[in-house]
Amino acid sequence: MDAIDRQIVEALVADARISLKNLSTRVKLSSPSVSERLRRLEERGVIRAFTVDLDPRALPSAPAAAGRAGRAPQTAPHASPVRFLPRNLQCHREF
């Protein structure tokens, strides 16, 4: 990770919704260059996910969501990776 990659990561931490154009301007590179750097940061696992953090109390009803969760091999077989989720209405297990 070089200095420009660090600038990109810092900008995303400060504002994860920053546009590619604004991010490119901030790091003084073209949009395609920044896009390629973002792709490489994802491939290397520096950026693991782009997420949204919802406050369930602020929503009129529980959001419908689908997702995938796994557990590490050392985790006890009965441990649920989603047991801590608030308002978890349904959990379907697929393998």
C-alpha atoms as a PDB file:
ATOM      1  CA  MET A   1       0.000   0.000   0.000  1.00  0.00           C
ATOM      2  CA  ASP A   2       1.535   3.280  -1.067  1.00  0.00           C
ATOM      3  CA  ALA A   3       0.777   6.854  -0.016  1.00  0.00           C
ATOM      4  CA  ILE A   4      -2.019   7.244  -2.589  1.00  0.00           C
ATOM      5  CA  ASP A   5      -3.712   4.035  -1.439  1.00  0.00           C
ATOM      6  CA  ARG A   6      -3.563   5.350   2.127  1.00  0.00           C
ATOM      7  CA  GLN A   7      -5.149   8.634   0.978  1.00  0.00           C
ATOM      8  CA  ILE A   8      -7.926   6.680  -0.729  1.00  0.00           C
ATOM      9  CA  VAL A   9      -8.580   4.581   2.377  1.00  0.00           C
ATOM     10  CA  GLU A  10      -8.522   7.657   4.635  1.00  0.00           C
ATOM     11  CA  ALA A  11     -10.997   9.436   2.355  1.00  0.00           C
ATOM     12  CA  LEU A  12     -13.322   6.412   2.397  1.00  0.00           C
ATOM     13  CA  VAL A  13     -13.122   6.154   6.175  1.00  0.00           C
ATOM     14  CA  ALA A  14     -14.036   9.827   6.465  1.00  0.00           C
ATOM     15  CA  ASP A  15     -16.851   9.589   3.896  1.00  0.00           C
ATOM     16  CA  ALA A  16     -17.728   6.154   2.526  1.00  0.00           C
ATOM     17  CA  ARG A  17     -20.200   7.783   0.138  1.00  0.00           C
ATOM     18  CA  ILE A  18     -17.627   9.960  -1.596  1.00  0.00           C
ATOM     19  CA  SER A  19     -18.065   9.889  -5.358  1.00  0.00           C
ATOM     20  CA  LEU A  20     -15.363   8.461  -7.574  1.00  0.00           C
ATOM     21  CA  LYS A  21     -14.968  11.884  -9.175  1.00  0.00           C
ATOM     22  CA  ASN A  22     -14.434  13.619  -5.815  1.00  0.00           C
ATOM     23  CA  LEU A  23     -12.120  10.862  -4.629  1.00  0.00           C
ATOM     24  CA  SER A  24     -10.102  11.199  -7.832  1.00  0.00           C
ATOM     25  CA  THR A  25      -9.827  14.952  -7.341  1.00  0.00           C
ATOM     26  CA  ARG A  26      -8.746  14.503  -3.741  1.00  0.00           C
ATOM     27  CA  VAL A  27      -5.888  12.127  -4.601  1.00  0.00           C
ATOM     28  CA  LYS A  28      -5.031  13.916  -7.859  1.00  0.00           C
ATOM     29  CA  LEU A  29      -5.510  10.906 -10.159  1.00  0.00           C
ATOM     30  CA  SER A  30      -7.909  10.094 -12.974  1.00  0.00           C
ATOM     31  CA  SER A  31     -11.140   8.274 -12.182  1.00  0.00           C
ATOM     32  CA  PRO A  32     -10.021   5.107 -14.027  1.00  0.00           C
ATOM     33  CA  SER A  33      -6.781   5.064 -11.993  1.00  0.00           C
ATOM     34  CA  VAL A  34      -8.651   5.410  -8.715  1.00  0.00           C
ATOM     35  CA  SER A  35     -11.155   2.773  -9.811  1.00  0.00           C
ATOM     36  CA  GLU A  36      -8.298   0.354 -10.531  1.00  0.00           C
ATOM     37  CA  ARG A  37      -6.708   1.098  -7.159  1.00  0.00           C
ATOM     38  CA  LEU A  38     -10.051   0.448  -5.429  1.00  0.00           C
ATOM     39  CA  ARG A  39     -10.336  -2.876  -7.266  1.00  0.00           C
ATOM     40  CA  ARG A  40      -6.844  -3.894  -6.131  1.00  0.00           C
ATOM     41  CA  LEU A  41      -7.546  -2.811  -2.539  1.00  0.00           C
ATOM     42  CA  GLU A  42     -10.618  -5.059  -2.593  1.00  0.00           C
ATOM     43  CA  GLU A  43      -8.706  -7.978  -4.121  1.00  0.00           C
ATOM     44  CA  ARG A  44      -6.005  -7.715  -1.442  1.00  0.00           C
ATOM     45  CA  GLY A  45      -8.633  -7.605   1.308  1.00  0.00           C
ATOM     46  CA  VAL A  46      -7.819  -4.070   2.456  1.00  0.00           C
ATOM     47  CA  ILE A  47     -11.407  -3.103   1.628  1.00  0.00           C
ATOM     48  CA  ARG A  48     -13.574  -6.022   2.681  1.00  0.00           C
ATOM     49  CA  ALA A  49     -17.055  -4.673   2.065  1.00  0.00           C
ATOM     50  CA  PHE A  50     -19.199  -1.683   1.309  1.00  0.00           C
ATOM     51  CA  THR A  51     -21.999  -1.668   3.853  1.00  0.00           C
ATOM     52  CA  VAL A  52     -24.899   0.268   5.226  1.00  0.00           C
ATOM     53  CA  ASP A  53     -25.496   0.596   8.967  1.00  0.00           C
ATOM     54  CA  LEU A  54     -29.223   0.824   9.721  1.00  0.00           C
ATOM     55  CA  ASP A  55     -30.745   1.723  13.063  1.00  0.00           C
ATOM     56  CA  PRO A  56     -33.714  -0.677  13.304  1.00  0.00           C
ATOM     57  CA  ARG A  57     -35.428   1.618  15.817  1.00  0.00           C
ATOM     58  CA  ALA A  58     -35.560   4.380  13.192  1.00  0.00           C
ATOM     59  CA  LEU A  59     -37.283   2.188  10.593  1.00  0.00           C
ATOM     60  CA  PRO A  60     -41.073   1.918  10.394  1.00  0.00           C
ATOM     61  CA  SER A  61     -40.803  -1.887  10.214  1.00  0.00           C
ATOM     62  CA  ALA A  62     -38.096  -4.511  10.171  1.00  0.00           C
ATOM     63  CA  PRO A  63     -36.083  -4.413   6.946  1.00  0.00           C
ATOM     64  CA  ALA A  64     -36.134  -7.433   4.702  1.00  0.00           C
ATOM     65  CA  ALA A  65     -32.607  -8.628   4.160  1.00  0.00           C
ATOM     66  CA  ALA A  66     -30.803 -11.599   2.770  1.00  0.00           C
ATOM     67  CA  GLY A  67     -27.271 -12.443   3.556  1.00  0.00           C
ATOM     68  CA  ARG A  68     -24.743 -15.139   3.973  1.00  0.00           C
ATOM     69  CA  ALA A  69     -22.838 -15.891   7.152  1.00  0.00           C
ATOM     70  CA  GLY A  70     -20.276 -18.530   7.862  1.00  0.00           C
ATOM     71  CA  ARG A  71     -18.260 -19.647  10.808  1.00  0.00           C
ATOM     72  CA  ALA A  72     -14.623 -20.423  11.193  1.00  0.00           C
ATOM     73  CA  PRO A  73     -13.731 -24.111  11.534  1.00  0.00           C
ATOM     74  CA  GLN A  74     -12.628 -23.640  15.153  1.00  0.00           C
ATOM     75  CA  THR A  75     -16.055 -22.262  16.158  1.00  0.00           C
ATOM     76  CA  ALA A  76     -18.302 -24.620  18.063  1.00  0.00           C
ATOM     77  CA  PRO A  77     -20.858 -26.204  15.714  1.00  0.00           C
ATOM     78  CA  HIS A  78     -23.788 -24.823  17.741  1.00  0.00           C
ATOM     79  CA  ALA A  79     -22.546 -21.208  17.628  1.00  0.00           C
ATOM     80  CA  SER A  80     -24.683 -19.018  15.415  1.00  0.00           C
ATOM     81  CA  PRO A  81     -22.955 -16.132  13.640  1.00  0.00           C
ATOM     82  CA  VAL A  82     -26.273 -14.243  13.497  1.00  0.00           C
ATOM     83  CA  ARG A  83     -27.593 -14.771  17.028  1.00  0.00           C
ATOM     84  CA  PHE A  84     -26.645 -11.245  18.068  1.00  0.00           C
ATOM     85  CA  LEU A  85     -28.627  -9.487  15.336  1.00  0.00           C
ATOM     86  CA  PRO A  86     -31.524  -7.431  16.726  1.00  0.00           C
ATOM     87  CA  ARG A  87     -34.966  -8.178  15.390  1.00  0.00           C
ATOM     88  CA  ASN A  88     -33.746 -11.277  13.588  1.00  0.00           C
ATOM     89  CA  LEU A  89     -37.114 -12.604  12.536  1.00  0.00           C
ATOM     90  CA  GLN A  90     -36.047 -15.493  10.344  1.00  0.00           C
ATOM     91  CA  CYS A  91     -32.833 -17.319   9.763  1.00  0.00           C
ATOM     92  CA  HIS A  92     -32.536 -19.906   7.021  1.00  0.00           C
ATOM     93  CA  ARG A  93     -29.617 -22.277   6.897  1.00  0.00           C
ATOM     94  CA  GLU A  94     -28.245 -23.323   3.525  1.00  0.00           C
ATOM     95  CA  PHE A  95     -25.126 -25.326   2.831  1.00  0.00           C
END
